[in-house]
């Protein structure tokens, strides 16, 4: 009926289809139309069948090919883990820091660790509007009695980034932005197992568990930490002794941490890496990780700046 880019070649692809609704009248008194978004599951005998995936829509729709007004393939729908907002993903990662002091500030989270010096454990998580009128002043007050110098974790070029910079804040260090990467546990396990098959046998992994947190060690050669929260397992502190690098020990640590998380029901794995750490990013991409979001740390200028 109309011009479109559809046909048998789009079976298995995600498409959007505008179709004529015969026998119905539109708001202006003319013909009525509707749009269908989903995966084309069949095309033939004059009918296109689309399995819907639009929000609020379920089931499949049979569309007479003669009634198609327009249509085209569209990008695949992002996986559920990629649809989680950055702030929510970061909140799940709080499990990696036991004993962390947290305090909500509207939709922000004030974080402080009495034992760890890492920025992730000692900064305000500000990746969405706080909804609090005096949020900036409360950040200053919270860290004044703890670290003495507040730090904010923000999304690049966001309203929160602009807010702190408007108060004179600058990059907390010369580090590149941090990448928060995610992957499906099953996918990463397949890649890890395949890589380990090509490597020499590794020493047995030692586990030191503390509730939903575990530290894995391969003797004194390599180690890493994982935490489980709401079907996500996250990693930090994956380290390999310099004299034992390039032997697959890092992959072996990831494998042990993944197995631990999978046993608890984790379906999503995540980790964080500096954006200029090309070797690590290349490894994680080969294992199936993809960047969920990037973020940076801002702080007031130090006295030496």
Protein backbone atom coordinates (compact mmCIF):
# COMPACT_ATOMS: atom_id res chain seq x y z
CA UNK A 1 0.00 0.00 0.00
CA UNK A 2 2.71 2.48 1.00
CA UNK A 3 6.45 2.75 0.69
CA UNK A 4 8.40 0.89 3.30
CA UNK A 5 11.68 -0.90 3.93
CA UNK A 6 10.14 -4.16 5.10
CA UNK A 7 10.05 -7.61 3.58
CA UNK A 8 11.10 -11.20 4.29
CA UNK A 9 14.63 -9.93 5.04
CA UNK A 10 13.48 -8.32 8.31
CA UNK A 11 12.32 -11.55 9.95
CA UNK A 12 14.12 -11.74 13.28
CA UNK A 13 14.76 -7.99 13.34
CA UNK A 14 13.13 -5.29 15.44
CA UNK A 15 10.85 -3.11 13.31
CA UNK A 16 8.31 -0.31 13.52
CA UNK A 17 5.25 -0.64 11.28
CA UNK A 18 2.51 1.88 10.53
CA UNK A 19 -0.64 0.12 9.38
CA UNK A 20 -4.05 1.14 8.08
CA UNK A 21 -6.97 0.24 10.35
CA UNK A 22 -9.64 -0.65 7.82
CA UNK A 23 -13.18 0.27 8.68
CA UNK A 24 -12.12 2.80 11.30
CA UNK A 25 -12.02 6.60 11.22
CA UNK A 26 -9.18 8.72 12.56
CA UNK A 27 -9.51 11.85 14.75
CA UNK A 28 -9.62 14.13 11.68
CA UNK A 29 -12.34 12.11 9.99
CA UNK A 30 -9.99 10.38 7.58
CA UNK A 31 -8.41 6.95 7.68
CA UNK A 32 -7.19 5.56 10.99
CA UNK A 33 -3.66 4.26 11.51
CA UNK A 34 -1.67 2.66 14.31
CA UNK A 35 2.00 1.92 14.93
CA UNK A 36 3.38 -1.44 16.00
CA UNK A 37 6.86 -1.83 17.50
CA UNK A 38 8.47 -5.20 18.02
CA UNK A 39 10.27 -8.11 16.40
CA UNK A 40 9.11 -9.39 13.02
CA UNK A 41 8.63 -13.13 13.52
CA UNK A 42 7.24 -14.00 10.09
CA UNK A 43 6.54 -12.55 6.65
CA UNK A 44 4.58 -14.45 4.04
CA UNK A 45 1.19 -15.33 2.59
CA UNK A 46 0.29 -11.66 2.63
CA UNK A 47 0.79 -11.29 6.38
CA UNK A 48 3.50 -9.81 8.60
CA UNK A 49 3.52 -10.95 12.25
CA UNK A 50 5.17 -8.69 14.84
CA UNK A 51 5.87 -9.72 18.43
CA UNK A 52 5.33 -6.46 20.33
CA UNK A 53 7.84 -5.08 22.83
CA UNK A 54 6.62 -1.52 23.30
CA UNK A 55 5.90 -0.49 26.91
CA UNK A 56 2.40 -1.62 27.87
CA UNK A 57 2.04 -3.86 24.81
CA UNK A 58 2.11 -7.65 24.80
CA UNK A 59 1.49 -10.47 22.38
CA UNK A 60 1.83 -10.62 18.61
CA UNK A 61 0.01 -8.65 15.93
CA UNK A 62 -0.92 -9.98 12.48
CA UNK A 63 -0.72 -7.23 9.89
CA UNK A 64 -1.93 -7.59 6.31
CA UNK A 65 1.02 -6.60 4.14
CA UNK A 66 -1.41 -4.68 1.92
CA UNK A 67 -2.27 -2.50 4.94
CA UNK A 68 1.33 -1.46 5.70
CA UNK A 69 1.68 2.28 5.11
CA UNK A 70 5.32 2.61 6.18
CA UNK A 71 7.88 0.72 8.19
CA UNK A 72 11.54 0.13 8.75
CA UNK A 73 14.00 -1.85 10.87
CA UNK A 74 15.03 -0.15 14.14
CA UNK A 75 17.87 -0.80 16.60
CA UNK A 76 17.40 -3.70 19.02
CA UNK A 77 15.78 -2.86 22.31
CA UNK A 78 18.44 -2.30 24.99
CA UNK A 79 18.78 -5.13 27.49
CA UNK A 80 17.04 -4.59 30.86
CA UNK A 81 20.38 -4.01 32.56
CA UNK A 82 21.14 -1.11 30.22
CA UNK A 83 17.76 0.46 30.97
CA UNK A 84 18.61 0.82 34.66
CA UNK A 85 19.35 4.47 35.43
CA UNK A 86 22.99 5.32 36.35
CA UNK A 87 22.02 6.39 39.87
CA UNK A 88 20.28 3.06 40.50
CA UNK A 89 23.23 1.09 39.12
CA UNK A 90 25.57 3.00 41.40
CA UNK A 91 23.34 2.38 44.42
CA UNK A 92 23.59 -1.36 43.79
CA UNK A 93 27.37 -0.99 43.77
CA UNK A 94 27.33 0.30 47.35
CA UNK A 95 27.36 -3.35 48.43
CA UNK A 96 31.04 -3.48 47.48
CA UNK A 97 31.94 -1.34 50.51
CA UNK A 98 31.05 -3.04 53.81
CA UNK A 99 30.62 -0.71 56.74
CA UNK A 100 29.87 2.20 54.43
CA UNK A 101 28.03 5.11 56.05
CA UNK A 102 25.30 6.35 53.73
CA UNK A 103 22.76 9.11 54.13
CA UNK A 104 20.06 9.99 51.58
CA UNK A 105 19.91 13.57 50.39
CA UNK A 106 16.74 13.47 48.35
CA UNK A 107 17.73 11.25 45.43
CA UNK A 108 21.44 11.76 46.09
CA UNK A 109 23.44 9.54 48.42
CA UNK A 110 26.10 10.85 50.79
CA UNK A 111 28.81 8.21 51.24
CA UNK A 112 31.61 7.91 53.76
CA UNK A 113 33.82 5.02 54.81
CA UNK A 114 35.73 5.10 58.10
CA UNK A 115 38.19 2.51 56.75
CA UNK A 116 38.49 2.99 52.97
CA UNK A 117 39.97 6.01 51.21
CA UNK A 118 38.54 5.22 47.75
CA UNK A 119 36.56 8.03 46.14
CA UNK A 120 33.66 5.67 45.47
CA UNK A 121 33.28 5.27 49.23
CA UNK A 122 33.78 8.94 50.12
CA UNK A 123 31.76 11.06 47.73
CA UNK A 124 28.21 12.18 47.16
CA UNK A 125 26.48 10.13 44.49
CA UNK A 126 24.78 12.84 42.42
CA UNK A 127 23.69 11.40 39.08
CA UNK A 128 20.11 12.69 39.06
CA UNK A 129 18.32 15.74 40.48
CA UNK A 130 18.32 15.57 44.26
CA UNK A 131 14.94 17.21 44.70
CA UNK A 132 16.30 19.05 47.75
CA UNK A 133 16.51 22.85 47.76
CA UNK A 134 19.73 23.15 49.80
CA UNK A 135 21.46 20.03 48.49
CA UNK A 136 24.79 21.76 47.87
CA UNK A 137 24.97 23.21 51.38
CA UNK A 138 24.14 19.84 52.92
CA UNK A 139 26.95 18.18 50.94
CA UNK A 140 29.42 20.69 52.36
CA UNK A 141 28.16 20.16 55.90
CA UNK A 142 28.28 16.35 55.68
CA UNK A 143 31.90 16.14 54.54
CA UNK A 144 33.14 19.01 56.68
CA UNK A 145 32.83 16.77 59.72
CA UNK A 146 34.29 13.70 58.01
CA UNK A 147 36.83 13.95 55.19
CA UNK A 148 37.23 17.73 55.21
CA UNK A 149 37.07 17.95 51.41
CA UNK A 150 33.81 17.02 49.68
CA UNK A 151 33.83 15.05 46.44
CA UNK A 152 30.92 14.57 44.01
CA UNK A 153 30.42 11.72 41.53
CA UNK A 154 28.48 13.13 38.55
CA UNK A 155 27.62 12.27 34.96
CA UNK A 156 29.64 14.28 32.41
CA UNK A 157 27.89 17.43 31.17
CA UNK A 158 24.86 16.80 33.39
CA UNK A 159 22.93 19.36 35.40
CA UNK A 160 24.75 18.11 38.50
CA UNK A 161 28.10 18.54 36.76
CA UNK A 162 27.11 22.15 35.99
CA UNK A 163 25.86 22.74 39.54
CA UNK A 164 29.13 21.86 41.25
CA UNK A 165 31.25 23.59 38.61
CA UNK A 166 29.16 26.74 39.11
CA UNK A 167 30.46 26.71 42.70
CA UNK A 168 34.04 26.57 41.45
CA UNK A 169 34.54 22.81 41.68
CA UNK A 170 37.05 21.19 39.34
CA UNK A 171 38.13 17.68 38.39
CA UNK A 172 39.15 15.94 41.62
CA UNK A 173 42.25 14.47 39.92
CA UNK A 174 43.83 14.09 36.49
CA UNK A 175 42.21 10.65 36.08
CA UNK A 176 40.05 9.96 33.05
CA UNK A 177 36.32 9.51 33.54
CA UNK A 178 35.36 6.16 35.04
CA UNK A 179 33.37 3.65 32.97
CA UNK A 180 30.66 1.61 34.70
CA UNK A 181 30.45 -1.58 32.66
CA UNK A 182 27.84 -4.34 32.72
CA UNK A 183 27.33 -7.75 31.16
CA UNK A 184 25.16 -10.83 31.45
CA UNK A 185 26.62 -13.34 33.91
CA UNK A 186 25.93 -16.28 31.58
CA UNK A 187 27.69 -14.56 28.66
CA UNK A 188 30.77 -13.67 30.69
CA UNK A 189 30.98 -17.18 32.16
CA UNK A 190 31.03 -18.66 28.64
CA UNK A 191 33.83 -16.35 27.57
CA UNK A 192 35.81 -16.93 30.75
CA UNK A 193 35.57 -20.71 30.49
CA UNK A 194 36.71 -20.60 26.86
CA UNK A 195 39.73 -18.46 27.76
CA UNK A 196 40.72 -20.61 30.72
CA UNK A 197 40.80 -23.71 28.53
CA UNK A 198 43.69 -22.20 26.59
CA UNK A 199 45.70 -21.31 29.70
CA UNK A 200 47.87 -23.27 32.06
CA UNK A 201 46.08 -24.64 35.18
CA UNK A 202 45.70 -22.01 37.89
CA UNK A 203 46.11 -22.44 41.66
CA UNK A 204 42.88 -23.22 43.56
CA UNK A 205 40.86 -20.20 44.58
CA UNK A 206 40.51 -19.37 48.26
CA UNK A 207 37.26 -17.72 49.34
CA UNK A 208 36.80 -15.43 52.32
CA UNK A 209 33.06 -14.71 52.61
CA UNK A 210 31.30 -12.10 54.70
CA UNK A 211 27.59 -12.20 53.97
CA UNK A 212 27.01 -10.86 50.45
CA UNK A 213 30.69 -9.98 50.01
CA UNK A 214 33.57 -12.28 49.10
CA UNK A 215 37.32 -11.94 48.61
CA UNK A 216 38.94 -14.46 46.26
CA UNK A 217 42.67 -15.15 46.32
CA UNK A 218 44.87 -17.27 44.09
CA UNK A 219 47.66 -17.71 46.60
CA UNK A 220 49.75 -14.54 46.64
CA UNK A 221 49.45 -14.13 42.87
CA UNK A 222 46.06 -12.52 42.34
CA UNK A 223 42.92 -11.45 44.19
CA UNK A 224 39.60 -9.67 43.81
CA UNK A 225 36.43 -8.72 45.65
CA UNK A 226 32.79 -9.26 44.68
CA UNK A 227 29.46 -8.25 46.20
CA UNK A 228 25.91 -9.43 45.48
CA UNK A 229 22.80 -7.23 45.54
CA UNK A 230 19.41 -7.82 43.92
CA UNK A 231 20.64 -10.24 41.23
CA UNK A 232 23.69 -8.09 40.36
CA UNK A 233 27.25 -9.14 41.20
CA UNK A 234 29.96 -6.47 41.11
CA UNK A 235 33.75 -6.67 41.17
CA UNK A 236 36.46 -4.39 42.50
CA UNK A 237 40.12 -4.62 43.44
CA UNK A 238 41.05 -7.26 40.86
CA UNK A 239 44.84 -7.31 41.17
CA UNK A 240 47.61 -9.52 39.83
CA UNK A 241 51.15 -9.43 41.20
CA UNK A 242 53.42 -7.78 38.58
CA UNK A 243 55.64 -10.86 38.24
CA UNK A 244 52.60 -13.06 37.47
CA UNK A 245 50.82 -10.92 34.90
CA UNK A 246 49.86 -12.12 31.40
CA UNK A 247 49.28 -15.65 32.70
CA UNK A 248 45.48 -15.55 32.83
CA UNK A 249 45.31 -15.03 36.59
CA UNK A 250 43.01 -12.02 36.27
CA UNK A 251 40.58 -14.08 34.21
CA UNK A 252 40.78 -16.88 36.78
CA UNK A 253 39.85 -14.42 39.54
CA UNK A 254 36.90 -13.13 37.50
CA UNK A 255 35.80 -16.74 36.92
CA UNK A 256 35.80 -17.50 40.65
CA UNK A 257 33.93 -14.29 41.47
CA UNK A 258 31.38 -14.95 38.75
CA UNK A 259 30.77 -18.48 39.99
CA UNK A 260 30.20 -17.16 43.51
CA UNK A 261 27.72 -14.59 42.21
CA UNK A 262 25.90 -17.07 39.96
CA UNK A 263 25.38 -19.39 42.91
CA UNK A 264 23.45 -16.57 44.59
CA UNK A 265 21.28 -15.94 41.55
CA UNK A 266 23.13 -13.06 39.89
CA UNK A 267 22.20 -12.47 36.26
CA UNK A 268 24.09 -9.18 35.73
CA UNK A 269 27.78 -8.54 36.40
CA UNK A 270 29.37 -5.10 36.65
CA UNK A 271 32.75 -3.50 37.20
CA UNK A 272 34.30 -0.05 36.95
CA UNK A 273 37.43 0.93 35.07
CA UNK A 274 39.16 4.19 34.17
CA UNK A 275 38.37 5.26 30.63
CA UNK A 276 42.04 5.45 29.60
CA UNK A 277 42.92 1.93 30.79
CA UNK A 278 42.88 0.51 27.26
CA UNK A 279 44.26 -2.99 28.07
CA UNK A 280 41.68 -3.60 30.82
CA UNK A 281 38.82 -2.25 28.71
CA UNK A 282 39.84 -4.49 25.80
CA UNK A 283 39.87 -7.54 28.10
CA UNK A 284 36.48 -6.72 29.61
CA UNK A 285 34.96 -6.15 26.16
CA UNK A 286 36.20 -9.55 25.04
CA UNK A 287 34.49 -11.03 28.08
CA UNK A 288 31.21 -9.37 27.08
CA UNK A 289 31.15 -6.17 29.14
CA UNK A 290 29.79 -2.97 27.67
CA UNK A 291 29.76 0.57 29.06
CA UNK A 292 26.55 1.42 30.92
CA UNK A 293 27.61 4.99 31.73
CA UNK A 294 30.67 7.14 32.36
CA UNK A 295 31.10 9.41 35.35
CA UNK A 296 33.64 11.75 36.90
CA UNK A 297 34.65 13.14 40.28
CA UNK A 298 34.57 16.84 41.11
CA UNK A 299 35.85 18.61 44.21
CA UNK A 300 36.55 22.16 45.38
CA UNK A 301 40.06 23.33 44.41
CA UNK A 302 42.62 22.26 46.98
CA UNK A 303 44.89 24.85 48.57
CA UNK A 304 47.65 23.76 46.18
CA UNK A 305 45.57 24.14 43.00
